Amino acid sequence: MKVVITSSGLDLDSAIDPKFGRCAYLALFDTDSNTFNATANPFQDARGGAGTQTAQWVLNQNATVLLTGHCGPKASAVLNTENIRIVEGITGTVREVLAQLAH
């Protein structure tokens, strides 16, 4: 399973970024291979459509779960078309969230 987490930094001890479309970084964790990779959100400073463009990025990663503080309605609609599970209200660090996911 591939999980995308909105992050404020590149490492596991980075805080969760509460925004989805304009988050600073997107962390991708693959539970099958136990691999982690974070990348700068290329749509963070988009003039418009940041949420839908970031949602498309999530789809392109073949993710099945999104963990974030808040996902707007347009981005949610894009993700819902592909049955991506959206979990909002996430807080703490990426490491803490992944530890909770493992249980």
PDB file of N, CA and C in Angstrom:
ATOM      1  N   MET A   1       0.854  -1.177   0.000  1.00  0.00           N
ATOM      2  CA  MET A   1       0.000   0.000   0.000  1.00  0.00           C
ATOM      3  C   MET A   1       0.898   1.237   0.000  1.00  0.00           C
ATOM      4  N   LYS A   2       0.535   2.204  -0.821  1.00  0.00           N
ATOM      5  CA  LYS A   2       1.276   3.466  -0.852  1.00  0.00           C
ATOM      6  C   LYS A   2       0.445   4.551  -0.174  1.00  0.00           C
ATOM      7  N   VAL A   3       1.118   5.259   0.736  1.00  0.00           N
ATOM      8  CA  VAL A   3       0.465   6.281   1.547  1.00  0.00           C
ATOM      9  C   VAL A   3       1.158   7.612   1.301  1.00  0.00           C
ATOM     10  N   VAL A   4       0.386   8.658   1.027  1.00  0.00           N
ATOM     11  CA  VAL A   4       0.932  10.008   0.896  1.00  0.00           C
ATOM     12  C   VAL A   4       0.578  10.781   2.158  1.00  0.00           C
ATOM     13  N   ILE A   5       1.588  11.477   2.691  1.00  0.00           N
ATOM     14  CA  ILE A   5       1.421  12.279   3.902  1.00  0.00           C
ATOM     15  C   ILE A   5       1.890  13.693   3.599  1.00  0.00           C
ATOM     16  N   THR A   6       1.085  14.694   3.940  1.00  0.00           N
ATOM     17  CA  THR A   6       1.520  16.081   3.750  1.00  0.00           C
ATOM     18  C   THR A   6       2.487  16.441   4.865  1.00  0.00           C
ATOM     19  N   SER A   7       3.637  16.982   4.480  1.00  0.00           N
ATOM     20  CA  SER A   7       4.715  17.208   5.436  1.00  0.00           C
ATOM     21  C   SER A   7       5.287  18.614   5.308  1.00  0.00           C
ATOM     22  N   SER A   8       5.855  19.095   6.408  1.00  0.00           N
ATOM     23  CA  SER A   8       6.501  20.414   6.400  1.00  0.00           C
ATOM     24  C   SER A   8       7.992  20.308   6.087  1.00  0.00           C
ATOM     25  N   GLY A   9       8.502  19.086   5.950  1.00  0.00           N
ATOM     26  CA  GLY A   9       9.924  18.893   5.674  1.00  0.00           C
ATOM     27  C   GLY A   9      10.188  17.579   4.972  1.00  0.00           C
ATOM     28  N   LEU A  10      11.477  17.305   4.756  1.00  0.00           N
ATOM     29  CA  LEU A  10      11.886  16.143   3.971  1.00  0.00           C
ATOM     30  C   LEU A  10      12.114  14.864   4.770  1.00  0.00           C
ATOM     31  N   ASP A  11      12.118  14.952   6.097  1.00  0.00           N
ATOM     32  CA  ASP A  11      12.464  13.751   6.859  1.00  0.00           C
ATOM     33  C   ASP A  11      11.319  13.276   7.748  1.00  0.00           C
ATOM     34  N   LEU A  12      11.534  12.138   8.366  1.00  0.00           N
ATOM     35  CA  LEU A  12      10.495  11.504   9.181  1.00  0.00           C
ATOM     36  C   LEU A  12      10.104  12.310  10.410  1.00  0.00           C
ATOM     37  N   ASP A  13      10.991  13.178  10.878  1.00  0.00           N
ATOM     38  CA  ASP A  13      10.686  13.976  12.065  1.00  0.00           C
ATOM     39  C   ASP A  13      10.040  15.317  11.726  1.00  0.00           C
ATOM     40  N   SER A  14       9.697  15.509  10.472  1.00  0.00           N
ATOM     41  CA  SER A  14       9.007  16.733  10.046  1.00  0.00           C
ATOM     42  C   SER A  14       7.562  16.705  10.522  1.00  0.00           C
ATOM     43  N   ALA A  15       7.055  17.881  10.847  1.00  0.00           N
ATOM     44  CA  ALA A  15       5.654  18.002  11.264  1.00  0.00           C
ATOM     45  C   ALA A  15       4.730  17.796  10.067  1.00  0.00           C
ATOM     46  N   ILE A  16       3.542  17.318  10.359  1.00  0.00           N
ATOM     47  CA  ILE A  16       2.515  17.202   9.330  1.00  0.00           C
ATOM     48  C   ILE A  16       2.144  18.608   8.880  1.00  0.00           C
ATOM     49  N   ASP A  17       2.071  18.815   7.579  1.00  0.00           N
ATOM     50  CA  ASP A  17       1.598  20.099   7.048  1.00  0.00           C
ATOM     51  C   ASP A  17       0.078  20.009   7.006  1.00  0.00           C
ATOM     52  N   PRO A  18      -0.636  20.937   7.643  1.00  0.00           N
ATOM     53  CA  PRO A  18      -2.092  20.823   7.712  1.00  0.00           C
ATOM     54  C   PRO A  18      -2.807  21.052   6.384  1.00  0.00           C
ATOM     55  N   LYS A  19      -2.115  21.639   5.414  1.00  0.00           N
ATOM     56  CA  LYS A  19      -2.738  21.917   4.122  1.00  0.00           C
ATOM     57  C   LYS A  19      -2.422  20.785   3.145  1.00  0.00           C
ATOM     58  N   PHE A  20      -3.349  20.472   2.267  1.00  0.00           N
ATOM     59  CA  PHE A  20      -3.068  19.461   1.254  1.00  0.00           C
ATOM     60  C   PHE A  20      -2.484  20.096  -0.003  1.00  0.00           C
ATOM     61  N   GLY A  21      -3.277  20.842  -0.734  1.00  0.00           N
ATOM     62  CA  GLY A  21      -2.851  21.367  -2.029  1.00  0.00           C
ATOM     63  C   GLY A  21      -1.635  22.261  -1.980  1.00  0.00           C
ATOM     64  N   ARG A  22      -1.474  22.980  -0.906  1.00  0.00           N
ATOM     65  CA  ARG A  22      -0.341  23.905  -0.778  1.00  0.00           C
ATOM     66  C   ARG A  22       0.645  23.468   0.314  1.00  0.00           C
ATOM     67  N   CYS A  23       0.668  22.175   0.588  1.00  0.00           N
ATOM     68  CA  CYS A  23       1.644  21.670   1.564  1.00  0.00           C
ATOM     69  C   CYS A  23       3.055  21.874   1.017  1.00  0.00           C
ATOM     70  N   ALA A  24       4.020  21.962   1.911  1.00  0.00           N
ATOM     71  CA  ALA A  24       5.406  22.179   1.494  1.00  0.00           C
ATOM     72  C   ALA A  24       6.004  20.934   0.839  1.00  0.00           C
ATOM     73  N   TYR A  25       5.730  19.774   1.425  1.00  0.00           N
ATOM     74  CA  TYR A  25       6.313  18.523   0.925  1.00  0.00           C
ATOM     75  C   TYR A  25       5.267  17.418   0.913  1.00  0.00           C
ATOM     76  N   LEU A  26       5.499  16.457   0.050  1.00  0.00           N
ATOM     77  CA  LEU A  26       4.656  15.276  -0.041  1.00  0.00           C
ATOM     78  C   LEU A  26       5.526  14.064   0.269  1.00  0.00           C
ATOM     79  N   ALA A  27       5.190  13.363   1.331  1.00  0.00           N
ATOM     80  CA  ALA A  27       5.941  12.174   1.729  1.00  0.00           C
ATOM     81  C   ALA A  27       5.193  10.944   1.236  1.00  0.00           C
ATOM     82  N   LEU A  28       5.915  10.052   0.590  1.00  0.00           N
ATOM     83  CA  LEU A  28       5.328   8.824   0.062  1.00  0.00           C
ATOM     84  C   LEU A  28       5.939   7.640   0.803  1.00  0.00           C
ATOM     85  N   PHE A  29       5.086   6.853   1.430  1.00  0.00           N
ATOM     86  CA  PHE A  29       5.543   5.666   2.148  1.00  0.00           C
ATOM     87  C   PHE A  29       4.898   4.442   1.525  1.00  0.00           C
ATOM     88  N   ASP A  30       5.719   3.456   1.188  1.00  0.00           N
ATOM     89  CA  ASP A  30       5.245   2.198   0.616  1.00  0.00           C
ATOM     90  C   ASP A  30       5.332   1.128   1.703  1.00  0.00           C
ATOM     91  N   THR A  31       4.192   0.659   2.159  1.00  0.00           N
ATOM     92  CA  THR A  31       4.176  -0.326   3.245  1.00  0.00           C
ATOM     93  C   THR A  31       4.683  -1.693   2.788  1.00  0.00           C
ATOM     94  N   ASP A  32       4.607  -1.977   1.503  1.00  0.00           N
ATOM     95  CA  ASP A  32       5.070  -3.274   0.997  1.00  0.00           C
ATOM     96  C   ASP A  32       6.595  -3.365   0.990  1.00  0.00           C
ATOM     97  N   SER A  33       7.250  -2.295   0.538  1.00  0.00           N
ATOM     98  CA  SER A  33       8.718  -2.296   0.456  1.00  0.00           C
ATOM     99  C   SER A  33       9.368  -1.577   1.639  1.00  0.00           C
ATOM    100  N   ASN A  34       8.537  -0.977   2.507  1.00  0.00           N
ATOM    101  CA  ASN A  34       9.010  -0.220   3.666  1.00  0.00           C
ATOM    102  C   ASN A  34       9.958   0.910   3.251  1.00  0.00           C
ATOM    103  N   THR A  35       9.597   1.604   2.167  1.00  0.00           N
ATOM    104  CA  THR A  35      10.426   2.707   1.676  1.00  0.00           C
ATOM    105  C   THR A  35       9.713   4.035   1.881  1.00  0.00           C
ATOM    106  N   PHE A  36      10.519   5.068   2.073  1.00  0.00           N
ATOM    107  CA  PHE A  36      10.025   6.418   2.334  1.00  0.00           C
ATOM    108  C   PHE A  36      10.762   7.389   1.422  1.00  0.00           C
ATOM    109  N   ASN A  37      10.010   8.309   0.833  1.00  0.00           N
ATOM    110  CA  ASN A  37      10.599   9.344  -0.005  1.00  0.00           C
ATOM    111  C   ASN A  37       9.747  10.600   0.135  1.00  0.00           C
ATOM    112  N   ALA A  38      10.394  11.726   0.314  1.00  0.00           N
ATOM    113  CA  ALA A  38       9.669  12.999   0.387  1.00  0.00           C
ATOM    114  C   ALA A  38      10.183  13.907  -0.714  1.00  0.00           C
ATOM    115  N   THR A  39       9.276  14.677  -1.278  1.00  0.00           N
ATOM    116  CA  THR A  39       9.628  15.586  -2.358  1.00  0.00           C
ATOM    117  C   THR A  39       8.897  16.910  -2.164  1.00  0.00           C
ATOM    118  N   ALA A  40       9.500  17.984  -2.633  1.00  0.00           N
ATOM    119  CA  ALA A  40       8.838  19.288  -2.559  1.00  0.00           C
ATOM    120  C   ALA A  40       7.566  19.248  -3.396  1.00  0.00           C
ATOM    121  N   ASN A  41       6.519  19.851  -2.887  1.00  0.00           N
ATOM    122  CA  ASN A  41       5.255  19.906  -3.624  1.00  0.00           C
ATOM    123  C   ASN A  41       5.410  20.890  -4.781  1.00  0.00           C
ATOM    124  N   PRO A  42       5.394  20.411  -6.021  1.00  0.00           N
ATOM    125  CA  PRO A  42       5.592  21.302  -7.162  1.00  0.00           C
ATOM    126  C   PRO A  42       4.437  22.277  -7.382  1.00  0.00           C
ATOM    127  N   PHE A  43       3.328  22.069  -6.698  1.00  0.00           N
ATOM    128  CA  PHE A  43       2.138  22.902  -6.897  1.00  0.00           C
ATOM    129  C   PHE A  43       1.869  23.844  -5.728  1.00  0.00           C
ATOM    130  N   GLN A  44       2.769  23.891  -4.767  1.00  0.00           N
ATOM    131  CA  GLN A  44       2.575  24.700  -3.565  1.00  0.00           C
ATOM    132  C   GLN A  44       2.293  26.161  -3.895  1.00  0.00           C
ATOM    133  N   ASP A  45       2.984  26.706  -4.870  1.00  0.00           N
ATOM    134  CA  ASP A  45       2.833  28.120  -5.211  1.00  0.00           C
ATOM    135  C   ASP A  45       2.028  28.350  -6.486  1.00  0.00           C
ATOM    136  N   ALA A  46       1.244  27.365  -6.900  1.00  0.00           N
ATOM    137  CA  ALA A  46       0.434  27.504  -8.111  1.00  0.00           C
ATOM    138  C   ALA A  46      -0.559  28.650  -7.942  1.00  0.00           C
ATOM    139  N   ARG A  47      -0.802  29.367  -9.019  1.00  0.00           N
ATOM    140  CA  ARG A  47      -1.754  30.492  -8.959  1.00  0.00           C
ATOM    141  C   ARG A  47      -3.168  30.005  -8.687  1.00  0.00           C
ATOM    142  N   GLY A  48      -3.499  28.861  -9.198  1.00  0.00           N
ATOM    143  CA  GLY A  48      -4.821  28.279  -8.988  1.00  0.00           C
ATOM    144  C   GLY A  48      -4.760  26.787  -9.228  1.00  0.00           C
ATOM    145  N   GLY A  49      -5.691  26.074  -8.673  1.00  0.00           N
ATOM    146  CA  GLY A  49      -5.762  24.638  -8.896  1.00  0.00           C
ATOM    147  C   GLY A  49      -4.716  23.813  -8.182  1.00  0.00           C
ATOM    148  N   ALA A  50      -4.119  24.370  -7.126  1.00  0.00           N
ATOM    149  CA  ALA A  50      -3.072  23.629  -6.407  1.00  0.00           C
ATOM    150  C   ALA A  50      -3.609  22.306  -5.863  1.00  0.00           C
ATOM    151  N   GLY A  51      -4.810  22.331  -5.335  1.00  0.00           N
ATOM    152  CA  GLY A  51      -5.383  21.118  -4.757  1.00  0.00           C
ATOM    153  C   GLY A  51      -5.616  20.028  -5.780  1.00  0.00           C
ATOM    154  N   THR A  52      -6.205  20.380  -6.904  1.00  0.00           N
ATOM    155  CA  THR A  52      -6.483  19.366  -7.919  1.00  0.00           C
ATOM    156  C   THR A  52      -5.199  18.861  -8.569  1.00  0.00           C
ATOM    157  N   GLN A  53      -4.218  19.739  -8.742  1.00  0.00           N
ATOM    158  CA  GLN A  53      -2.939  19.302  -9.310  1.00  0.00           C
ATOM    159  C   GLN A  53      -2.192  18.391  -8.340  1.00  0.00           C
ATOM    160  N   THR A  54      -2.234  18.715  -7.062  1.00  0.00           N
ATOM    161  CA  THR A  54      -1.592  17.862  -6.065  1.00  0.00           C
ATOM    162  C   THR A  54      -2.329  16.528  -5.976  1.00  0.00           C
ATOM    163  N   ALA A  55      -3.643  16.553  -6.093  1.00  0.00           N
ATOM    164  CA  ALA A  55      -4.427  15.311  -6.097  1.00  0.00           C
ATOM    165  C   ALA A  55      -4.023  14.429  -7.277  1.00  0.00           C
ATOM    166  N   GLN A  56      -3.810  15.030  -8.432  1.00  0.00           N
ATOM    167  CA  GLN A  56      -3.377  14.262  -9.599  1.00  0.00           C
ATOM    168  C   GLN A  56      -2.001  13.649  -9.352  1.00  0.00           C
ATOM    169  N   TRP A  57      -1.124  14.385  -8.669  1.00  0.00           N
ATOM    170  CA  TRP A  57       0.197  13.852  -8.311  1.00  0.00           C
ATOM    171  C   TRP A  57       0.033  12.601  -7.452  1.00  0.00           C
ATOM    172  N   VAL A  58      -0.877  12.661  -6.475  1.00  0.00           N
ATOM    173  CA  VAL A  58      -1.141  11.508  -5.607  1.00  0.00           C
ATOM    174  C   VAL A  58      -1.580  10.312  -6.450  1.00  0.00           C
ATOM    175  N   LEU A  59      -2.481  10.548  -7.396  1.00  0.00           N
ATOM    176  CA  LEU A  59      -2.946   9.467  -8.268  1.00  0.00           C
ATOM    177  C   LEU A  59      -1.795   8.891  -9.086  1.00  0.00           C
ATOM    178  N   ASN A  60      -0.924   9.763  -9.579  1.00  0.00           N
ATOM    179  CA  ASN A  60       0.209   9.316 -10.394  1.00  0.00           C
ATOM    180  C   ASN A  60       1.189   8.450  -9.606  1.00  0.00           C
ATOM    181  N   GLN A  61       1.191   8.575  -8.290  1.00  0.00           N
ATOM    182  CA  GLN A  61       2.066   7.759  -7.439  1.00  0.00           C
ATOM    183  C   GLN A  61       1.442   6.396  -7.127  1.00  0.00           C
ATOM    184  N   ASN A  62       0.228   6.178  -7.600  1.00  0.00           N
ATOM    185  CA  ASN A  62      -0.521   4.944  -7.306  1.00  0.00           C
ATOM    186  C   ASN A  62      -0.767   4.765  -5.810  1.00  0.00           C
ATOM    187  N   ALA A  63      -0.934   5.880  -5.120  1.00  0.00           N
ATOM    188  CA  ALA A  63      -1.230   5.835  -3.689  1.00  0.00           C
ATOM    189  C   ALA A  63      -2.679   5.400  -3.479  1.00  0.00           C
ATOM    190  N   THR A  64      -2.936   4.816  -2.323  1.00  0.00           N
ATOM    191  CA  THR A  64      -4.297   4.410  -1.990  1.00  0.00           C
ATOM    192  C   THR A  64      -4.840   5.140  -0.768  1.00  0.00           C
ATOM    193  N   VAL A  65      -3.938   5.844  -0.041  1.00  0.00           N
ATOM    194  CA  VAL A  65      -4.334   6.558   1.173  1.00  0.00           C
ATOM    195  C   VAL A  65      -3.647   7.916   1.202  1.00  0.00           C
ATOM    196  N   LEU A  66      -4.392   8.941   1.618  1.00  0.00           N
ATOM    197  CA  LEU A  66      -3.849  10.277   1.853  1.00  0.00           C
ATOM    198  C   LEU A  66      -4.076  10.627   3.317  1.00  0.00           C
ATOM    199  N   LEU A  67      -2.998  11.026   3.994  1.00  0.00           N
ATOM    200  CA  LEU A  67      -3.079  11.475   5.385  1.00  0.00           C
ATOM    201  C   LEU A  67      -2.696  12.947   5.419  1.00  0.00           C
ATOM    202  N   THR A  68      -3.602  13.807   5.885  1.00  0.00           N
ATOM    203  CA  THR A  68      -3.380  15.250   5.844  1.00  0.00           C
ATOM    204  C   THR A  68      -4.180  15.941   6.939  1.00  0.00           C
ATOM    205  N   GLY A  69      -3.923  17.217   7.097  1.00  0.00           N
ATOM    206  CA  GLY A  69      -4.716  18.005   8.024  1.00  0.00           C
ATOM    207  C   GLY A  69      -6.085  18.305   7.447  1.00  0.00           C
ATOM    208  N   HIS A  70      -6.087  18.808   6.206  1.00  0.00           N
ATOM    209  CA  HIS A  70      -7.342  19.160   5.545  1.00  0.00           C
ATOM    210  C   HIS A  70      -7.174  19.056   4.038  1.00  0.00           C
ATOM    211  N   CYS A  71      -8.158  18.480   3.384  1.00  0.00           N
ATOM    212  CA  CYS A  71      -8.186  18.357   1.925  1.00  0.00           C
ATOM    213  C   CYS A  71      -9.440  19.066   1.434  1.00  0.00           C
ATOM    214  N   GLY A  72      -9.269  20.032   0.540  1.00  0.00           N
ATOM    215  CA  GLY A  72     -10.397  20.807   0.034  1.00  0.00           C
ATOM    216  C   GLY A  72     -11.341  19.985  -0.828  1.00  0.00           C
ATOM    217  N   PRO A  73     -12.526  20.541  -1.117  1.00  0.00           N
ATOM    218  CA  PRO A  73     -13.556  19.786  -1.830  1.00  0.00           C
ATOM    219  C   PRO A  73     -13.185  19.405  -3.267  1.00  0.00           C
ATOM    220  N   LYS A  74     -12.490  20.269  -3.981  1.00  0.00           N
ATOM    221  CA  LYS A  74     -12.126  19.935  -5.369  1.00  0.00           C
ATOM    222  C   LYS A  74     -11.084  18.826  -5.406  1.00  0.00           C
ATOM    223  N   ALA A  75     -10.096  18.923  -4.540  1.00  0.00           N
ATOM    224  CA  ALA A  75      -9.080  17.866  -4.469  1.00  0.00           C
ATOM    225  C   ALA A  75      -9.716  16.556  -4.010  1.00  0.00           C
ATOM    226  N   SER A  76     -10.603  16.638  -3.029  1.00  0.00           N
ATOM    227  CA  SER A  76     -11.292  15.436  -2.545  1.00  0.00           C
ATOM    228  C   SER A  76     -12.074  14.769  -3.665  1.00  0.00           C
ATOM    229  N   ALA A  77     -12.722  15.570  -4.492  1.00  0.00           N
ATOM    230  CA  ALA A  77     -13.499  15.020  -5.604  1.00  0.00           C
ATOM    231  C   ALA A  77     -12.603  14.248  -6.568  1.00  0.00           C
ATOM    232  N   VAL A  78     -11.424  14.805  -6.872  1.00  0.00           N
ATOM    233  CA  VAL A  78     -10.476  14.118  -7.762  1.00  0.00           C
ATOM    234  C   VAL A  78     -10.051  12.788  -7.143  1.00  0.00           C
ATOM    235  N   LEU A  79      -9.701  12.809  -5.873  1.00  0.00           N
ATOM    236  CA  LEU A  79      -9.233  11.596  -5.201  1.00  0.00           C
ATOM    237  C   LEU A  79     -10.352  10.569  -5.037  1.00  0.00           C
ATOM    238  N   ASN A  80     -11.556  11.040  -4.781  1.00  0.00           N
ATOM    239  CA  ASN A  80     -12.691  10.132  -4.603  1.00  0.00           C
ATOM    240  C   ASN A  80     -13.035   9.377  -5.879  1.00  0.00           C
ATOM    241  N   THR A  81     -12.766   9.978  -7.043  1.00  0.00           N
ATOM    242  CA  THR A  81     -13.057   9.286  -8.307  1.00  0.00           C
ATOM    243  C   THR A  81     -12.227   8.018  -8.452  1.00  0.00           C
ATOM    244  N   GLU A  82     -11.083   7.973  -7.784  1.00  0.00           N
ATOM    245  CA  GLU A  82     -10.206   6.795  -7.843  1.00  0.00           C
ATOM    246  C   GLU A  82     -10.195   6.022  -6.522  1.00  0.00           C
ATOM    247  N   ASN A  83     -11.182   6.306  -5.678  1.00  0.00           N
ATOM    248  CA  ASN A  83     -11.346   5.597  -4.399  1.00  0.00           C
ATOM    249  C   ASN A  83     -10.130   5.689  -3.480  1.00  0.00           C
ATOM    250  N   ILE A  84      -9.471   6.853  -3.485  1.00  0.00           N
ATOM    251  CA  ILE A  84      -8.369   7.097  -2.566  1.00  0.00           C
ATOM    252  C   ILE A  84      -8.971   7.391  -1.189  1.00  0.00           C
ATOM    253  N   ARG A  85      -8.488   6.711  -0.183  1.00  0.00           N
ATOM    254  CA  ARG A  85      -8.963   6.953   1.187  1.00  0.00           C
ATOM    255  C   ARG A  85      -8.308   8.224   1.709  1.00  0.00           C
ATOM    256  N   ILE A  86      -9.108   9.185   2.127  1.00  0.00           N
ATOM    257  CA  ILE A  86      -8.619  10.460   2.649  1.00  0.00           C
ATOM    258  C   ILE A  86      -8.857  10.482   4.154  1.00  0.00           C
ATOM    259  N   VAL A  87      -7.772  10.679   4.902  1.00  0.00           N
ATOM    260  CA  VAL A  87      -7.879  10.782   6.357  1.00  0.00           C
ATOM    261  C   VAL A  87      -7.424  12.183   6.734  1.00  0.00           C
ATOM    262  N   GLU A  88      -8.352  12.979   7.261  1.00  0.00           N
ATOM    263  CA  GLU A  88      -8.057  14.365   7.625  1.00  0.00           C
ATOM    264  C   GLU A  88      -7.902  14.498   9.141  1.00  0.00           C
ATOM    265  N   GLY A  89      -7.408  15.661   9.550  1.00  0.00           N
ATOM    266  CA  GLY A  89      -7.240  15.925  10.973  1.00  0.00           C
ATOM    267  C   GLY A  89      -5.962  15.326  11.534  1.00  0.00           C
ATOM    268  N   ILE A  90      -5.045  14.948  10.662  1.00  0.00           N
ATOM    269  CA  ILE A  90      -3.788  14.327  11.080  1.00  0.00           C
ATOM    270  C   ILE A  90      -2.862  15.395  11.668  1.00  0.00           C
ATOM    271  N   THR A  91      -2.234  15.089  12.787  1.00  0.00           N
ATOM    272  CA  THR A  91      -1.274  15.992  13.429  1.00  0.00           C
ATOM    273  C   THR A  91      -0.059  15.187  13.888  1.00  0.00           C
ATOM    274  N   GLY A  92       0.962  15.888  14.352  1.00  0.00           N
ATOM    275  CA  GLY A  92       2.170  15.235  14.840  1.00  0.00           C
ATOM    276  C   GLY A  92       3.259  15.263  13.788  1.00  0.00           C
ATOM    277  N   THR A  93       4.148  14.279  13.847  1.00  0.00           N
ATOM    278  CA  THR A  93       5.227  14.176  12.860  1.00  0.00           C
ATOM    279  C   THR A  93       4.932  13.020  11.909  1.00  0.00           C
ATOM    280  N   VAL A  94       5.652  13.008  10.802  1.00  0.00           N
ATOM    281  CA  VAL A  94       5.499  11.914   9.843  1.00  0.00           C
ATOM    282  C   VAL A  94       5.799  10.584  10.533  1.00  0.00           C
ATOM    283  N   ARG A  95       6.852  10.539  11.316  1.00  0.00           N
ATOM    284  CA  ARG A  95       7.225   9.310  12.026  1.00  0.00           C
ATOM    285  C   ARG A  95       6.088   8.832  12.942  1.00  0.00           C
ATOM    286  N   GLU A  96       5.482   9.753  13.686  1.00  0.00           N
ATOM    287  CA  GLU A  96       4.386   9.393  14.592  1.00  0.00           C
ATOM    288  C   GLU A  96       3.189   8.849  13.824  1.00  0.00           C
ATOM    289  N   VAL A  97       2.890   9.475  12.701  1.00  0.00           N
ATOM    290  CA  VAL A  97       1.755   9.036  11.887  1.00  0.00           C
ATOM    291  C   VAL A  97       2.016   7.640  11.323  1.00  0.00           C
ATOM    292  N   LEU A  98       3.235   7.404  10.851  1.00  0.00           N
ATOM    293  CA  LEU A  98       3.567   6.084  10.314  1.00  0.00           C
ATOM    294  C   LEU A  98       3.532   5.015  11.399  1.00  0.00           C
ATOM    295  N   ALA A  99       3.938   5.364  12.609  1.00  0.00           N
ATOM    296  CA  ALA A  99       3.884   4.413  13.725  1.00  0.00           C
ATOM    297  C   ALA A  99       2.437   4.033  14.028  1.00  0.00           C
ATOM    298  N   GLN A 100       1.541   5.007  13.969  1.00  0.00           N
ATOM    299  CA  GLN A 100       0.118   4.735  14.200  1.00  0.00           C
ATOM    300  C   GLN A 100      -0.450   3.875  13.078  1.00  0.00           C
ATOM    301  N   LEU A 101       0.014   4.121  11.871  1.00  0.00           N
ATOM    302  CA  LEU A 101      -0.456   3.372  10.707  1.00  0.00           C
ATOM    303  C   LEU A 101      -0.076   1.895  10.831  1.00  0.00           C
ATOM    304  N   ALA A 102       1.072   1.634  11.424  1.00  0.00           N
ATOM    305  CA  ALA A 102       1.569   0.260  11.561  1.00  0.00           C
ATOM    306  C   ALA A 102       0.757  -0.561  12.561  1.00  0.00           C
ATOM    307  N   HIS A 103       0.000   0.098  13.424  1.00  0.00           N
ATOM    308  CA  HIS A 103      -0.767  -0.632  14.445  1.00  0.00           C
ATOM    309  C   HIS A 103      -2.155  -0.928  13.998  1.00  0.00           C
TER     310      HIS A 103
END
